[in-house]
């Protein structure tokens, strides 16, 4: 069974690059959205295991999207990784407090992104839709709930 990955970015170039990164691996079924409301709707309908989420989006920002995903019992299981150019510690804290599992700052290495996802799979393998605990070590530039001292249970 393929793992559903929702990629959310308003920049078509970023969407294309991320889709290309996953295209050669049959493990993934890629979904895309270019604004916050569409991301929430697609997540609710498709129930992805992973959401790769930009923060600066039209309609509603990535922090709001993350909160919406977490507040819906049908999508709360998804692993959410914020991919953003925002580099301040307060931005990371805001994202992680919104419920994100990790934060990767642009520009990031595609290798780092894939290693991070493989690390998540090694500790909590998805069966189509990801289930289980959050905040496992992500490695290589990503901050997680465990690294910031734990998160409230979701």
Protein backbone atom coordinates (compact mmCIF):
# COMPACT_ATOMS: atom_id res chain seq x y z
CA UNK A 1 0.00 0.00 0.00
CA UNK A 2 1.31 3.44 -0.89
CA UNK A 3 1.90 6.11 1.74
CA UNK A 4 -0.08 9.26 1.03
CA UNK A 5 1.97 12.45 1.19
CA UNK A 6 0.28 15.84 0.95
CA UNK A 7 2.62 18.57 -0.28
CA UNK A 8 1.37 22.09 0.42
CA UNK A 9 3.17 25.06 -1.11
CA UNK A 10 1.97 28.07 -3.07
CA UNK A 11 5.17 28.13 -5.11
CA UNK A 12 4.72 25.93 -8.19
CA UNK A 13 8.49 25.45 -8.46
CA UNK A 14 8.68 24.04 -4.94
CA UNK A 15 5.71 21.75 -5.64
CA UNK A 16 7.37 20.50 -8.81
CA UNK A 17 10.69 19.82 -7.05
CA UNK A 18 9.06 17.94 -4.18
CA UNK A 19 6.90 15.91 -6.56
CA UNK A 20 10.01 15.04 -8.59
CA UNK A 21 11.82 13.98 -5.42
CA UNK A 22 9.12 11.40 -4.66
CA UNK A 23 8.25 10.44 -8.26
CA UNK A 24 10.79 7.64 -8.57
CA UNK A 25 9.65 5.90 -5.38
CA UNK A 26 6.50 3.82 -5.69
CA UNK A 27 6.13 3.88 -1.90
CA UNK A 28 4.42 7.28 -2.09
CA UNK A 29 1.14 8.57 -3.46
CA UNK A 30 1.56 12.34 -3.83
CA UNK A 31 -1.24 14.86 -3.28
CA UNK A 32 -0.77 18.62 -3.65
CA UNK A 33 -2.40 21.85 -2.55
CA UNK A 34 -1.41 25.47 -3.15
CA UNK A 35 -3.35 27.22 -0.37
CA UNK A 36 -4.39 26.60 3.21
CA UNK A 37 -8.11 25.90 2.76
CA UNK A 38 -7.42 23.41 -0.06
CA UNK A 39 -4.83 21.66 2.13
CA UNK A 40 -7.34 21.21 4.97
CA UNK A 41 -10.00 19.91 2.56
CA UNK A 42 -7.64 17.47 0.83
CA UNK A 43 -6.26 16.24 4.16
CA UNK A 44 -9.78 15.59 5.45
CA UNK A 45 -10.78 13.72 2.29
CA UNK A 46 -7.56 11.77 1.62
CA UNK A 47 -6.17 11.28 5.18
CA UNK A 48 -2.46 11.46 4.30
CA UNK A 49 0.20 9.87 6.47
CA UNK A 50 2.54 12.83 5.93
CA UNK A 51 1.96 16.52 5.27
CA UNK A 52 4.86 18.61 3.98
CA UNK A 53 3.63 22.10 4.75
CA UNK A 54 4.87 25.55 3.80
CA UNK A 55 4.02 28.25 6.34
CA UNK A 56 3.36 31.29 4.16
CA UNK A 57 0.24 30.30 2.23
CA UNK A 58 -2.77 32.14 0.82
CA UNK A 59 -6.11 31.67 2.55
CA UNK A 60 -4.74 30.45 5.86
CA UNK A 61 -1.14 30.06 6.94
CA UNK A 62 0.63 26.79 7.60
CA UNK A 63 0.30 27.16 11.37
CA UNK A 64 -3.50 27.37 11.01
CA UNK A 65 -3.51 24.43 8.59
CA UNK A 66 -1.50 22.38 11.07
CA UNK A 67 -3.94 23.22 13.88
CA UNK A 68 -6.88 22.27 11.65
CA UNK A 69 -5.26 18.94 10.76
CA UNK A 70 -4.61 18.23 14.44
CA UNK A 71 -8.15 19.17 15.49
CA UNK A 72 -9.79 16.71 13.07
CA UNK A 73 -9.82 13.15 14.47
CA UNK A 74 -9.62 11.81 10.91
CA UNK A 75 -6.35 13.64 10.19
CA UNK A 76 -4.77 14.08 13.63
CA UNK A 77 -2.59 11.00 13.01
CA UNK A 78 -0.70 12.63 10.12
CA UNK A 79 2.94 13.55 10.56
CA UNK A 80 3.30 17.24 9.75
CA UNK A 81 6.64 18.68 8.68
CA UNK A 82 6.88 22.42 8.19
CA UNK A 83 9.12 23.37 5.26
CA UNK A 84 9.73 27.10 5.38
CA UNK A 85 12.13 29.96 4.89
CA UNK A 86 11.19 31.29 8.33
CA UNK A 87 14.33 30.92 10.44
CA UNK A 88 13.61 32.56 13.78
CA UNK A 89 13.37 30.43 16.92
CA UNK A 90 9.94 31.93 17.61
CA UNK A 91 8.76 30.70 14.19
CA UNK A 92 9.91 27.18 15.00
CA UNK A 93 8.28 27.35 18.42
CA UNK A 94 5.02 28.58 16.88
CA UNK A 95 5.01 25.75 14.36
CA UNK A 96 5.79 23.08 16.89
CA UNK A 97 3.20 24.43 19.31
CA UNK A 98 0.66 24.32 16.45
CA UNK A 99 1.24 20.58 16.38
CA UNK A 100 3.95 20.09 13.77
CA UNK A 101 6.16 17.06 14.20
CA UNK A 102 9.17 18.78 12.71
CA UNK A 103 10.51 21.95 11.14
CA UNK A 104 12.92 22.03 8.20
CA UNK A 105 14.30 25.38 7.10
CA UNK A 106 14.57 26.28 3.41
CA UNK A 107 16.82 25.85 1.64
CA UNK A 108 17.09 22.25 2.77
CA UNK A 109 18.78 19.27 1.22
CA UNK A 110 16.46 16.76 -0.47
CA UNK A 111 18.68 14.10 1.08
CA UNK A 112 17.97 15.51 4.55
CA UNK A 113 14.24 15.47 3.86
CA UNK A 114 14.29 11.86 2.68
CA UNK A 115 16.46 10.79 5.64
CA UNK A 116 14.03 12.46 8.01
CA UNK A 117 11.05 10.63 6.48
CA UNK A 118 12.92 7.31 6.45
CA UNK A 119 13.71 7.85 10.14
CA UNK A 120 10.03 8.37 10.85
CA UNK A 121 9.17 5.20 8.91
CA UNK A 122 11.83 3.17 10.72
CA UNK A 123 10.35 4.04 14.11
CA UNK A 124 6.67 4.05 13.14
CA UNK A 125 6.07 2.47 9.72
CA UNK A 126 2.94 3.73 8.00
CA UNK A 127 0.41 1.32 6.59
CA UNK A 128 -1.01 3.68 4.01
CA UNK A 129 -1.94 6.15 6.71
CA UNK A 130 0.59 6.87 9.43
CA UNK A 131 -0.44 5.95 12.97
CA UNK A 132 1.25 6.21 16.34
CA UNK A 133 3.33 8.50 18.49
CA UNK A 134 4.93 11.77 17.43
CA UNK A 135 8.17 13.58 18.03
CA UNK A 136 10.73 10.91 17.15
CA UNK A 137 14.17 12.15 16.25
CA UNK A 138 14.17 13.60 12.75
CA UNK A 139 17.84 14.38 12.30
CA UNK A 140 19.73 16.80 10.06
CA UNK A 141 18.37 20.24 10.79
CA UNK A 142 14.84 19.36 11.76
CA UNK A 143 13.54 20.14 15.21
CA UNK A 144 10.96 17.83 16.74
CA UNK A 145 8.69 17.69 19.74
CA UNK A 146 11.14 15.38 21.54
CA UNK A 147 14.04 17.78 20.91
CA UNK A 148 12.14 20.72 22.34
CA UNK A 149 11.30 18.86 25.53
CA UNK A 150 8.18 16.94 24.58
CA UNK A 151 4.80 17.92 23.29
CA UNK A 152 1.32 17.55 24.65
CA UNK A 153 -0.15 14.26 23.58
CA UNK A 154 -2.23 14.49 20.47
